[in-house]
Protein backbone atom coordinates (compact mmCIF):
# COMPACT_ATOMS: atom_id res chain seq x y z
CA UNK A 1 13.02 -17.85 9.89
CA UNK A 2 10.13 -15.53 9.13
CA UNK A 3 6.69 -16.12 10.60
CA UNK A 4 3.90 -15.90 8.02
CA UNK A 5 0.17 -15.56 8.63
CA UNK A 6 -2.41 -17.21 6.37
CA UNK A 7 -6.19 -17.36 5.89
CA UNK A 8 -8.02 -20.24 4.24
CA UNK A 9 -11.36 -20.21 2.40
CA UNK A 10 -12.74 -22.36 5.25
CA UNK A 11 -12.21 -19.37 7.57
CA UNK A 12 -9.20 -20.74 9.44
CA UNK A 13 -6.33 -18.37 10.18
CA UNK A 14 -2.94 -19.74 11.11
CA UNK A 15 0.73 -18.84 11.42
CA UNK A 16 3.73 -20.88 10.41
CA UNK A 17 7.51 -20.50 10.41
CA UNK A 18 8.88 -20.79 6.88
CA UNK A 19 12.52 -21.69 6.15
CA UNK A 20 12.72 -20.09 2.68
CA UNK A 21 10.59 -17.54 0.85
CA UNK A 22 9.87 -20.10 -1.90
CA UNK A 23 8.11 -22.28 0.71
CA UNK A 24 5.91 -19.36 1.80
CA UNK A 25 3.50 -19.98 -1.09
CA UNK A 26 3.43 -23.77 -0.63
CA UNK A 27 1.51 -23.92 2.66
CA UNK A 28 -1.72 -25.83 3.25
CA UNK A 29 -4.49 -25.29 5.77
CA UNK A 30 -4.03 -27.32 8.98
CA UNK A 31 -7.82 -27.33 9.54
CA UNK A 32 -9.21 -28.55 6.22
CA UNK A 33 -6.06 -29.46 4.26
CA UNK A 34 -6.70 -27.06 1.37
CA UNK A 35 -3.63 -26.27 -0.73
CA UNK A 36 -4.77 -22.77 -1.67
CA UNK A 37 -4.40 -20.40 1.28
CA UNK A 38 -3.93 -16.64 1.20
CA UNK A 39 -0.89 -15.10 2.85
CA UNK A 40 -1.87 -12.12 4.98
CA UNK A 41 -0.01 -8.85 5.32
CA UNK A 42 1.61 -8.97 8.74
CA UNK A 43 2.77 -6.15 10.96
CA UNK A 44 6.00 -6.40 12.83
CA UNK A 45 7.44 -4.84 15.93
CA UNK A 46 10.89 -3.37 16.25
CA UNK A 47 12.60 -2.41 19.50
CA UNK A 48 12.69 1.29 20.26
CA UNK A 49 15.81 3.04 21.44
CA UNK A 50 15.39 4.61 24.86
CA UNK A 51 17.56 6.88 26.93
CA UNK A 52 18.77 6.16 30.44
CA UNK A 53 15.57 7.68 31.84
CA UNK A 54 13.40 5.31 29.75
CA UNK A 55 12.18 8.11 27.46
CA UNK A 56 12.11 7.49 23.73
CA UNK A 57 15.05 8.91 21.81
CA UNK A 58 13.01 9.16 18.60
CA UNK A 59 10.82 12.10 17.72
CA UNK A 60 7.05 11.87 18.13
CA UNK A 61 6.64 11.09 14.44
CA UNK A 62 9.33 8.40 14.32
CA UNK A 63 11.58 8.38 11.30
CA UNK A 64 15.27 9.09 11.12
CA UNK A 65 15.25 12.49 12.95
CA UNK A 66 18.90 12.85 12.09
CA UNK A 67 18.18 14.87 8.99
CA UNK A 68 19.37 12.20 6.54
CA UNK A 69 15.91 11.44 5.21
CA UNK A 70 15.00 15.09 4.70
CA UNK A 71 11.82 14.93 6.77
CA UNK A 72 13.32 16.47 9.93
């Protein structure tokens, strides 16, 4: 289940787990009860591959670094 972040006109910010994407737009503010809240753009974190010495196996700029994307 994805975790979505929201902001209400009352200033409250909150997160909620949403079972389906259709329910993502049907959330209400837990502080004031308003039905119209704005979904925020969230950042996510992905695990990084590391070698046996703990050093990152990706290049400094990230990306594919295998040549498949054409940026390496």
